[in-house]
């Protein structure tokens, strides 16, 4: 599971394994598990698609959109927990690893309680702003009102995954995500097809699956204290409530939330500009984003491995191992990106019919296909650099890089608007490239800040 040398004494640095085999062992479970992430919502929609009234699908889609927006607002929990955990583990601070888990879970719990309390107001505002049928609104109300009770488990799972990523327990994370989706699918069949439930059935299935996944993983972690330092009964309250620790977490939350908002803004601008050219254009760009999502899932495997390894190397103040991690993870990601690009180029004729059976839409996507082929080679550096900065818990660089890239993207969209969809895809490609280059340019400055020049490189 892990190839970290865990010392018995506190404050002894833990050196990460930098071999290609270990990097791959960390990466492939993430690739497999992230492919399952969209399944919870997709299965809900598919089940409703077999009911006679399309309002059921609309209700699930809108309710899922609202729930997803809340979860997205807390996306910092996963990334922030990973970076802080890997750095603490690399520095041999096993007590702090426990503190980080409980601090993050406390934030997740308080945030969940807040949104559970205000969810009637959220529904009221949504029904006011979203123009849909009364039936779809009612189904949205039912779905969201049930799913919201699973928010503590959903956010708790995000913390759990981030904490396990930070300790390089990627296979355990894969087990959790696959378990959640299997339970969700099974309960959907039982509740909807077996018991004849509709919206209540799919919402309850998702809620139970999230809670089951969280409870299972909590007991697995508690049963392995030698692997996962989670000491709930012996916390140092002085350290746990230390002002600088909480401020550090809130700064990460601020930076990563701003970054997430900008990521959303890029896609929103891309889709809104495409929509102004008609439904076919909008659908074609949406398909490009679907393909981009699958590319991101694949490349994220190496990025998540980078997060855990970089954090441990920085915590251990090991420059030599840090250089090896950067070189080897980036090389593997580049090879994977090249393979993805080749597959997209060679198998266009097979992929297009899978995406859509509409001839006009197929033609529009085909016209953009070369842009699609370019996405993996121009985007892998951005994912890798995200992994580096998440591992270092250096969130402000990610926020600033995303801000610069968004401004560049918006400017290019305005400048090349006359070029139609090709202009939009050109802007998107440049944006992806700019994200990676910006963060790469700040690597030296970031490492100088997080690894004291006077510290001895313990790998020598």
Protein backbone atom coordinates (compact mmCIF):
# COMPACT_ATOMS: atom_id res chain seq x y z
CA UNK A 1 0.00 0.00 0.00
CA UNK A 2 2.68 2.48 1.01
CA UNK A 3 6.42 2.60 0.66
CA UNK A 4 7.13 5.21 3.26
CA UNK A 5 9.67 4.42 5.92
CA UNK A 6 7.66 5.17 9.06
CA UNK A 7 9.92 5.96 12.02
CA UNK A 8 8.87 5.20 15.55
CA UNK A 9 10.30 8.46 16.86
CA UNK A 10 8.49 11.73 16.29
CA UNK A 11 9.91 14.50 14.12
CA UNK A 12 12.14 12.14 12.10
CA UNK A 13 11.57 12.84 8.39
CA UNK A 14 9.89 10.14 6.31
CA UNK A 15 11.50 9.67 2.90
CA UNK A 16 9.23 9.01 -0.10
CA UNK A 17 9.91 6.20 -2.57
CA UNK A 18 10.67 7.82 -5.95
CA UNK A 19 10.88 4.71 -8.14
CA UNK A 20 8.88 4.48 -11.35
CA UNK A 21 7.17 1.33 -10.08
CA UNK A 22 6.00 3.09 -6.90
CA UNK A 23 4.77 6.13 -8.83
CA UNK A 24 2.76 3.83 -11.11
CA UNK A 25 1.46 1.88 -8.11
CA UNK A 26 0.12 5.17 -6.70
CA UNK A 27 -1.26 6.41 -10.02
CA UNK A 28 -3.29 3.56 -11.48
CA UNK A 29 -5.74 3.16 -8.57
CA UNK A 30 -6.54 6.88 -8.82
CA UNK A 31 -7.17 6.56 -12.56
CA UNK A 32 -9.57 3.68 -11.96
CA UNK A 33 -11.36 5.26 -9.01
CA UNK A 34 -11.80 8.74 -10.52
CA UNK A 35 -13.54 7.18 -13.50
CA UNK A 36 -16.28 6.13 -11.06
CA UNK A 37 -16.82 9.64 -9.63
CA UNK A 38 -19.55 10.74 -12.11
CA UNK A 39 -21.43 7.45 -11.70
CA UNK A 40 -23.48 8.42 -8.62
CA UNK A 41 -25.30 11.21 -10.46
CA UNK A 42 -25.30 9.36 -13.79
CA UNK A 43 -27.02 6.31 -12.33
CA UNK A 44 -29.66 8.54 -10.71
CA UNK A 45 -30.42 10.21 -14.06
CA UNK A 46 -30.44 6.88 -15.91
CA UNK A 47 -32.96 5.38 -13.49
CA UNK A 48 -35.28 8.35 -13.89
CA UNK A 49 -34.89 8.13 -17.64
CA UNK A 50 -36.86 4.88 -17.57
CA UNK A 51 -39.89 6.53 -15.98
CA UNK A 52 -42.68 7.89 -18.23
CA UNK A 53 -42.45 11.57 -17.24
CA UNK A 54 -39.33 13.52 -18.33
CA UNK A 55 -39.88 15.81 -15.34
CA UNK A 56 -38.28 13.10 -13.19
CA UNK A 57 -35.00 13.47 -15.11
CA UNK A 58 -35.22 17.25 -14.88
CA UNK A 59 -35.82 17.10 -11.13
CA UNK A 60 -32.81 14.85 -10.54
CA UNK A 61 -30.62 16.96 -12.82
CA UNK A 62 -31.53 20.22 -11.08
CA UNK A 63 -31.37 18.75 -7.58
CA UNK A 64 -28.02 17.17 -8.38
CA UNK A 65 -26.77 20.48 -9.77
CA UNK A 66 -27.60 22.26 -6.52
CA UNK A 67 -26.05 19.54 -4.37
CA UNK A 68 -22.98 19.44 -6.60
CA UNK A 69 -22.51 23.20 -6.30
CA UNK A 70 -22.31 22.90 -2.51
CA UNK A 71 -19.83 20.03 -2.72
CA UNK A 72 -17.77 22.01 -5.24
CA UNK A 73 -17.60 24.92 -2.80
CA UNK A 74 -15.89 22.56 -0.34
CA UNK A 75 -13.47 21.04 -2.86
CA UNK A 76 -10.61 22.56 -0.86
CA UNK A 77 -11.18 19.89 1.79
CA UNK A 78 -9.72 17.14 -0.39
CA UNK A 79 -6.75 19.05 -1.81
CA UNK A 80 -5.90 20.99 1.32
CA UNK A 81 -5.99 17.86 3.48
CA UNK A 82 -3.71 16.00 1.06
CA UNK A 83 -1.03 18.67 1.05
CA UNK A 84 -0.99 19.24 4.79
CA UNK A 85 -1.04 15.51 5.56
CA UNK A 86 1.78 14.58 3.19
CA UNK A 87 3.98 17.38 4.50
CA UNK A 88 3.34 16.43 8.13
CA UNK A 89 4.02 12.78 7.36
CA UNK A 90 7.21 13.64 5.50
CA UNK A 91 8.40 15.60 8.53
CA UNK A 92 7.62 12.65 10.82
CA UNK A 93 4.89 14.59 12.68
CA UNK A 94 2.44 11.72 13.17
CA UNK A 95 0.46 13.56 15.85
CA UNK A 96 -0.12 16.43 13.42
CA UNK A 97 -1.44 13.92 10.86
CA UNK A 98 -4.22 13.11 13.35
CA UNK A 99 -4.84 16.79 14.06
CA UNK A 100 -5.18 17.58 10.35
CA UNK A 101 -7.78 14.84 9.87
CA UNK A 102 -9.93 16.02 12.78
CA UNK A 103 -9.63 19.72 11.90
CA UNK A 104 -10.73 19.00 8.33
CA UNK A 105 -13.59 16.77 9.46
CA UNK A 106 -14.73 19.47 11.87
CA UNK A 107 -14.87 22.00 9.03
CA UNK A 108 -16.78 19.47 6.91
CA UNK A 109 -19.26 18.80 9.73
CA UNK A 110 -19.89 22.47 10.56
CA UNK A 111 -20.30 23.32 6.88
CA UNK A 112 -22.72 20.44 6.42
CA UNK A 113 -24.83 21.44 9.42
CA UNK A 114 -25.03 25.00 8.11
CA UNK A 115 -26.29 23.92 4.67
CA UNK A 116 -28.72 21.41 6.16
CA UNK A 117 -30.22 24.20 8.24
CA UNK A 118 -30.51 26.67 5.34
CA UNK A 119 -31.49 24.19 2.63
CA UNK A 120 -35.17 25.31 2.62
CA UNK A 121 -33.95 28.81 1.78
CA UNK A 122 -31.69 27.42 -0.96
CA UNK A 123 -34.67 25.60 -2.46
CA UNK A 124 -36.80 28.73 -2.27
CA UNK A 125 -34.18 30.77 -4.13
CA UNK A 126 -33.65 27.99 -6.69
CA UNK A 127 -37.36 27.77 -7.47
CA UNK A 128 -37.44 31.54 -7.90
CA UNK A 129 -34.49 31.71 -10.30
CA UNK A 130 -34.80 28.43 -12.23
CA UNK A 131 -37.51 28.54 -14.88
CA UNK A 132 -38.87 24.99 -15.07
CA UNK A 133 -42.16 23.11 -14.86
CA UNK A 134 -44.03 22.71 -11.54
CA UNK A 135 -43.51 18.93 -11.74
CA UNK A 136 -39.73 19.24 -12.23
CA UNK A 137 -39.56 21.79 -9.40
CA UNK A 138 -41.38 19.42 -7.07
CA UNK A 139 -39.04 16.57 -7.96
CA UNK A 140 -36.03 18.85 -7.49
CA UNK A 141 -37.34 19.71 -4.02
CA UNK A 142 -37.78 16.04 -3.10
CA UNK A 143 -34.36 14.97 -4.41
CA UNK A 144 -32.38 17.82 -2.84
CA UNK A 145 -34.23 17.60 0.49
CA UNK A 146 -33.11 13.98 0.84
CA UNK A 147 -29.59 14.25 -0.61
CA UNK A 148 -28.71 17.16 1.68
CA UNK A 149 -28.75 14.78 4.67
CA UNK A 150 -25.87 12.94 3.06
CA UNK A 151 -23.74 16.08 2.88
CA UNK A 152 -21.80 15.31 6.11
CA UNK A 153 -20.81 11.94 4.65
CA UNK A 154 -20.00 13.40 1.22
CA UNK A 155 -17.71 16.07 2.66
CA UNK A 156 -16.36 13.60 5.22
CA UNK A 157 -15.45 11.28 2.35
CA UNK A 158 -13.63 14.14 0.62
CA UNK A 159 -11.57 14.68 3.76
CA UNK A 160 -10.96 10.95 4.11
CA UNK A 161 -9.76 10.65 0.52
CA UNK A 162 -7.50 13.69 0.87
CA UNK A 163 -6.06 12.32 4.12
CA UNK A 164 -5.42 8.88 2.60
CA UNK A 165 -3.94 10.43 -0.56
CA UNK A 166 -1.52 12.32 1.67
CA UNK A 167 -0.40 8.98 3.11
CA UNK A 168 -0.16 7.37 -0.35
CA UNK A 169 -3.01 4.92 0.38
CA UNK A 170 -4.43 5.22 -3.15
CA UNK A 171 -5.71 1.64 -3.34
CA UNK A 172 -7.79 2.16 -0.22
CA UNK A 173 -9.30 5.28 -1.80
CA UNK A 174 -10.09 3.24 -4.90
CA UNK A 175 -11.82 0.65 -2.71
CA UNK A 176 -13.92 3.35 -1.05
CA UNK A 177 -15.07 5.00 -4.27
CA UNK A 178 -15.88 1.72 -5.99
CA UNK A 179 -17.75 0.51 -2.89
CA UNK A 180 -19.85 3.71 -2.80
CA UNK A 181 -20.82 3.33 -6.45
CA UNK A 182 -21.62 -0.37 -6.20
CA UNK A 183 -23.88 0.28 -3.19
CA UNK A 184 -25.52 3.19 -5.00
CA UNK A 185 -26.22 1.17 -8.14
CA UNK A 186 -27.51 -1.82 -6.17
CA UNK A 187 -29.83 0.32 -4.04
CA UNK A 188 -31.11 2.15 -7.12
CA UNK A 189 -32.22 -1.17 -8.60
CA UNK A 190 -33.77 -2.24 -5.29
CA UNK A 191 -35.58 1.03 -4.53
CA UNK A 192 -36.64 2.07 -8.04
CA UNK A 193 -37.08 -1.15 -10.00
CA UNK A 194 -37.83 -3.43 -7.04
CA UNK A 195 -39.91 -1.27 -4.71
CA UNK A 196 -41.37 1.08 -7.33
CA UNK A 197 -39.95 4.27 -5.76
CA UNK A 198 -39.01 7.22 -7.97
CA UNK A 199 -37.20 10.41 -6.92
CA UNK A 200 -37.18 9.38 -3.27
CA UNK A 201 -35.58 6.08 -4.26
CA UNK A 202 -32.60 7.44 -6.18
CA UNK A 203 -31.96 10.18 -3.62
CA UNK A 204 -32.07 7.71 -0.74
CA UNK A 205 -29.78 5.30 -2.58
CA UNK A 206 -27.15 8.00 -3.05
CA UNK A 207 -27.48 9.14 0.56
CA UNK A 208 -27.09 5.61 1.97
CA UNK A 209 -24.15 4.86 -0.35
CA UNK A 210 -22.24 7.94 0.79
CA UNK A 211 -22.81 7.16 4.47
CA UNK A 212 -21.94 3.49 3.99
CA UNK A 213 -18.67 4.44 2.29
CA UNK A 214 -17.71 6.85 5.04
CA UNK A 215 -18.53 4.44 7.88
CA UNK A 216 -16.71 1.55 6.19
CA UNK A 217 -13.56 3.59 5.60
CA UNK A 218 -13.56 5.05 9.11
CA UNK A 219 -13.56 1.59 10.66
CA UNK A 220 -10.89 0.34 8.24
CA UNK A 221 -8.64 3.27 9.18
CA UNK A 222 -9.28 2.83 12.90
CA UNK A 223 -8.41 -0.86 12.61
CA UNK A 224 -4.91 -0.07 11.24
CA UNK A 225 -3.31 2.38 13.71
CA UNK A 226 0.15 1.31 12.56
CA UNK A 227 -0.56 2.48 9.03
CA UNK A 228 -2.88 5.42 9.70
CA UNK A 229 -2.09 7.56 12.77
CA UNK A 230 -5.56 8.54 13.97
CA UNK A 231 -5.47 9.08 17.73
CA UNK A 232 -8.84 10.48 18.73
CA UNK A 233 -8.39 10.01 22.48
CA UNK A 234 -4.97 11.58 22.93
CA UNK A 235 -5.12 14.85 21.04
CA UNK A 236 -3.00 17.75 22.23
CA UNK A 237 -5.63 20.47 22.61
CA UNK A 238 -3.01 23.22 22.58
CA UNK A 239 -1.72 22.09 19.19
CA UNK A 240 -5.16 21.18 17.84
CA UNK A 241 -6.57 24.64 18.55
CA UNK A 242 -3.36 26.48 17.64
CA UNK A 243 -4.29 29.69 15.84
CA UNK A 244 -1.61 29.36 13.14
CA UNK A 245 -2.80 25.84 12.21
CA UNK A 246 -6.39 26.98 11.70
CA UNK A 247 -5.33 30.14 9.85
CA UNK A 248 -3.23 28.00 7.52
CA UNK A 249 -6.21 25.80 6.72
CA UNK A 250 -8.51 28.77 6.14
CA UNK A 251 -5.97 30.41 3.81
CA UNK A 252 -5.84 27.20 1.79
CA UNK A 253 -9.66 27.12 1.75
CA UNK A 254 -9.79 30.72 0.53
CA UNK A 255 -7.25 30.19 -2.24
CA UNK A 256 -8.63 26.89 -3.51
CA UNK A 257 -12.23 28.14 -3.40
CA UNK A 258 -11.23 31.11 -5.55
CA UNK A 259 -9.42 28.74 -7.94
CA UNK A 260 -12.49 26.49 -8.15
CA UNK A 261 -14.71 29.47 -8.95
CA UNK A 262 -12.36 30.49 -11.76
CA UNK A 263 -12.32 26.93 -13.15
CA UNK A 264 -16.11 27.04 -13.22
CA UNK A 265 -16.02 30.48 -14.86
CA UNK A 266 -13.84 29.20 -17.71
CA UNK A 267 -16.33 26.48 -18.60
CA UNK A 268 -19.28 28.83 -18.11
CA UNK A 269 -17.77 31.40 -20.48
CA UNK A 270 -16.89 28.71 -23.01
CA UNK A 271 -20.41 27.28 -23.02
CA UNK A 272 -22.15 30.67 -23.02
CA UNK A 273 -20.17 31.83 -26.05
CA UNK A 274 -20.87 28.56 -27.84
CA UNK A 275 -24.58 28.84 -27.00
CA UNK A 276 -24.74 32.20 -28.78
CA UNK A 277 -23.91 30.35 -32.01
CA UNK A 278 -26.76 27.87 -31.72
CA UNK A 279 -27.66 24.51 -30.16
CA UNK A 280 -25.29 22.48 -32.35
CA UNK A 281 -22.34 24.67 -31.37
CA UNK A 282 -23.27 24.42 -27.70
CA UNK A 283 -23.57 20.64 -27.89
CA UNK A 284 -20.24 20.34 -29.73
CA UNK A 285 -18.36 22.34 -27.08
CA UNK A 286 -20.11 20.36 -24.33
CA UNK A 287 -18.83 17.15 -25.95
CA UNK A 288 -15.32 18.63 -26.01
CA UNK A 289 -15.62 19.24 -22.29
CA UNK A 290 -16.84 15.68 -21.73
CA UNK A 291 -13.73 14.35 -23.49
CA UNK A 292 -11.59 16.80 -21.53
CA UNK A 293 -13.13 15.42 -18.34
CA UNK A 294 -12.06 11.87 -19.20
CA UNK A 295 -8.58 13.09 -20.12
CA UNK A 296 -8.38 14.87 -16.78
CA UNK A 297 -9.47 11.72 -14.93
CA UNK A 298 -6.64 9.79 -16.55
CA UNK A 299 -3.92 12.37 -16.00
CA UNK A 300 -5.10 13.03 -12.45
CA UNK A 301 -3.63 9.68 -11.47
CA UNK A 302 -0.10 11.00 -11.89
CA UNK A 303 -1.07 14.36 -10.40
CA UNK A 304 -2.39 12.74 -7.21
CA UNK A 305 0.74 10.59 -6.91
CA UNK A 306 2.75 13.79 -7.27
CA UNK A 307 0.75 15.43 -4.46
CA UNK A 308 1.59 12.72 -1.95
CA UNK A 309 5.25 12.33 -2.95
CA UNK A 310 6.02 16.06 -3.17
CA UNK A 311 4.43 16.73 0.22
CA UNK A 312 6.50 13.98 1.83
CA UNK A 313 9.71 15.22 0.16
CA UNK A 314 9.09 18.81 1.27
CA UNK A 315 8.24 17.67 4.78
CA UNK A 316 11.51 15.70 4.83
CA UNK A 317 13.45 18.67 3.35
CA UNK A 318 14.80 16.37 0.63
CA UNK A 319 15.73 18.33 -2.49
CA UNK A 320 17.27 15.38 -4.29
CA UNK A 321 14.16 13.25 -3.98
CA UNK A 322 11.98 16.22 -4.90
CA UNK A 323 13.86 16.59 -8.19
CA UNK A 324 13.44 12.88 -8.93
CA UNK A 325 9.72 13.03 -8.16
CA UNK A 326 9.21 15.97 -10.51
CA UNK A 327 11.21 14.41 -13.32
CA UNK A 328 9.68 10.95 -13.11
CA UNK A 329 6.04 11.83 -12.51
CA UNK A 330 6.13 14.44 -15.28
CA UNK A 331 7.75 11.98 -17.70
CA UNK A 332 5.11 9.35 -17.01
CA UNK A 333 2.33 11.94 -17.37
CA UNK A 334 3.81 13.13 -20.68
CA UNK A 335 3.92 9.57 -22.01
CA UNK A 336 0.31 9.01 -20.94
CA UNK A 337 -0.73 12.27 -22.60
CA UNK A 338 0.97 11.22 -25.83
CA UNK A 339 -0.82 7.87 -25.78
CA UNK A 340 -4.16 9.60 -25.19
CA UNK A 341 -3.55 11.99 -28.08
CA UNK A 342 -2.66 9.10 -30.39
CA UNK A 343 -5.80 7.19 -29.40
CA UNK A 344 -7.99 10.23 -30.04
CA UNK A 345 -6.34 10.82 -33.43
CA UNK A 346 -6.53 7.22 -34.64
CA UNK A 347 -9.96 6.29 -33.31
CA UNK A 348 -11.97 9.41 -34.15
CA UNK A 349 -14.27 7.33 -36.37
CA UNK A 350 -15.10 5.00 -33.49
CA UNK A 351 -15.43 7.63 -30.78
CA UNK A 352 -17.78 10.03 -32.58
CA UNK A 353 -20.71 7.56 -32.90
CA UNK A 354 -20.36 6.77 -29.19
CA UNK A 355 -20.66 10.46 -28.33
CA UNK A 356 -23.74 11.10 -30.46
CA UNK A 357 -25.88 9.60 -33.21
CA UNK A 358 -26.88 13.01 -34.63
CA UNK A 359 -25.15 13.57 -37.99
CA UNK A 360 -25.00 17.41 -37.76
CA UNK A 361 -23.49 17.21 -34.28
CA UNK A 362 -20.99 14.56 -35.38
CA UNK A 363 -19.89 16.87 -38.20
CA UNK A 364 -19.46 19.81 -35.81
CA UNK A 365 -17.39 17.72 -33.38
CA UNK A 366 -15.29 16.33 -36.24
CA UNK A 367 -14.43 19.88 -37.33
CA UNK A 368 -13.00 20.45 -33.84
CA UNK A 369 -11.29 17.08 -33.47
CA UNK A 370 -7.70 18.27 -33.96
CA UNK A 371 -8.21 20.67 -31.05
CA UNK A 372 -9.39 17.69 -29.05
CA UNK A 373 -6.24 15.71 -29.96
CA UNK A 374 -4.15 18.62 -28.68
CA UNK A 375 -5.78 18.67 -25.24
CA UNK A 376 -3.72 15.87 -23.60
CA UNK A 377 -0.23 17.15 -24.59
CA UNK A 378 -1.00 20.77 -23.71
CA UNK A 379 -2.82 20.05 -20.44
CA UNK A 380 -0.70 17.40 -18.70
CA UNK A 381 1.75 19.99 -17.34
CA UNK A 382 -1.10 21.93 -15.72
CA UNK A 383 -2.31 18.80 -13.92
CA UNK A 384 1.22 17.91 -12.85
CA UNK A 385 1.90 21.38 -11.51
CA UNK A 386 -1.39 21.32 -9.63
CA UNK A 387 -0.17 18.12 -8.01
CA UNK A 388 3.12 19.75 -7.01
CA UNK A 389 1.48 22.77 -5.42
CA UNK A 390 -1.26 20.76 -3.70
CA UNK A 391 1.43 18.53 -2.20
CA UNK A 392 3.34 21.58 -1.03
CA UNK A 393 0.11 23.13 0.36
CA UNK A 394 1.13 26.24 -1.60
CA UNK A 395 -2.41 27.19 -2.59
CA UNK A 396 -1.84 30.89 -3.28
CA UNK A 397 0.34 30.06 -6.29
CA UNK A 398 -2.50 27.95 -7.69
CA UNK A 399 -4.99 30.77 -7.11
CA UNK A 400 -2.77 33.34 -8.80
CA UNK A 401 -1.95 31.03 -11.71
CA UNK A 402 -5.62 30.35 -12.28
CA UNK A 403 -6.44 34.07 -12.17
CA UNK A 404 -3.78 34.91 -14.77
CA UNK A 405 -4.90 32.01 -16.99
CA UNK A 406 -8.56 33.02 -16.76
CA UNK A 407 -7.82 36.63 -17.71
CA UNK A 408 -5.78 35.37 -20.68
CA UNK A 409 -8.59 33.00 -21.67
CA UNK A 410 -11.26 35.71 -21.46
CA UNK A 411 -9.11 38.06 -23.51
CA UNK A 412 -8.55 35.44 -26.22
CA UNK A 413 -12.25 34.58 -26.34
CA UNK A 414 -13.03 38.25 -26.93
CA UNK A 415 -10.23 38.71 -29.46
CA UNK A 416 -10.89 35.59 -31.51
CA UNK A 417 -14.67 35.54 -31.21
CA UNK A 418 -14.88 36.07 -34.97
CA UNK A 419 -13.36 32.61 -35.52
CA UNK A 420 -16.37 30.79 -34.04
CA UNK A 421 -15.80 27.45 -32.33
CA UNK A 422 -12.20 27.26 -33.56
CA UNK A 423 -11.52 30.55 -31.80
CA UNK A 424 -13.06 29.20 -28.59
CA UNK A 425 -11.01 26.01 -28.71
CA UNK A 426 -7.84 27.98 -29.45
CA UNK A 427 -8.48 30.09 -26.35
CA UNK A 428 -9.13 26.94 -24.30
CA UNK A 429 -5.90 25.28 -25.48
CA UNK A 430 -3.84 28.38 -24.67
CA UNK A 431 -5.50 28.61 -21.27
CA UNK A 432 -4.55 25.01 -20.43
CA UNK A 433 -0.98 25.59 -21.57
CA UNK A 434 -0.71 28.85 -19.63
CA UNK A 435 -1.81 27.17 -16.38
CA UNK A 436 1.05 24.69 -16.55
CA UNK A 437 3.70 27.18 -17.67
CA UNK A 438 2.81 29.77 -15.03
CA UNK A 439 3.14 27.28 -12.17
CA UNK A 440 6.30 25.76 -13.64
CA UNK A 441 7.93 29.20 -13.71
CA UNK A 442 7.31 29.63 -9.97
CA UNK A 443 8.71 26.25 -8.93
CA UNK A 444 12.10 27.58 -7.87
CA UNK A 445 10.54 30.39 -5.82
CA UNK A 446 8.07 28.00 -4.18
CA UNK A 447 10.74 25.48 -3.23
CA UNK A 448 12.98 28.21 -1.85
CA UNK A 449 10.10 29.24 0.37
CA UNK A 450 9.12 25.78 1.59
CA UNK A 451 12.55 24.16 1.87
CA UNK A 452 14.93 26.25 3.97
CA UNK A 453 18.26 26.69 2.19
CA UNK A 454 20.09 26.00 5.43
CA UNK A 455 18.41 22.63 6.01
CA UNK A 456 20.56 19.59 5.29
CA UNK A 457 19.35 17.34 2.50
CA UNK A 458 18.86 14.11 4.46
CA UNK A 459 18.87 11.98 1.31
CA UNK A 460 22.60 12.57 0.91
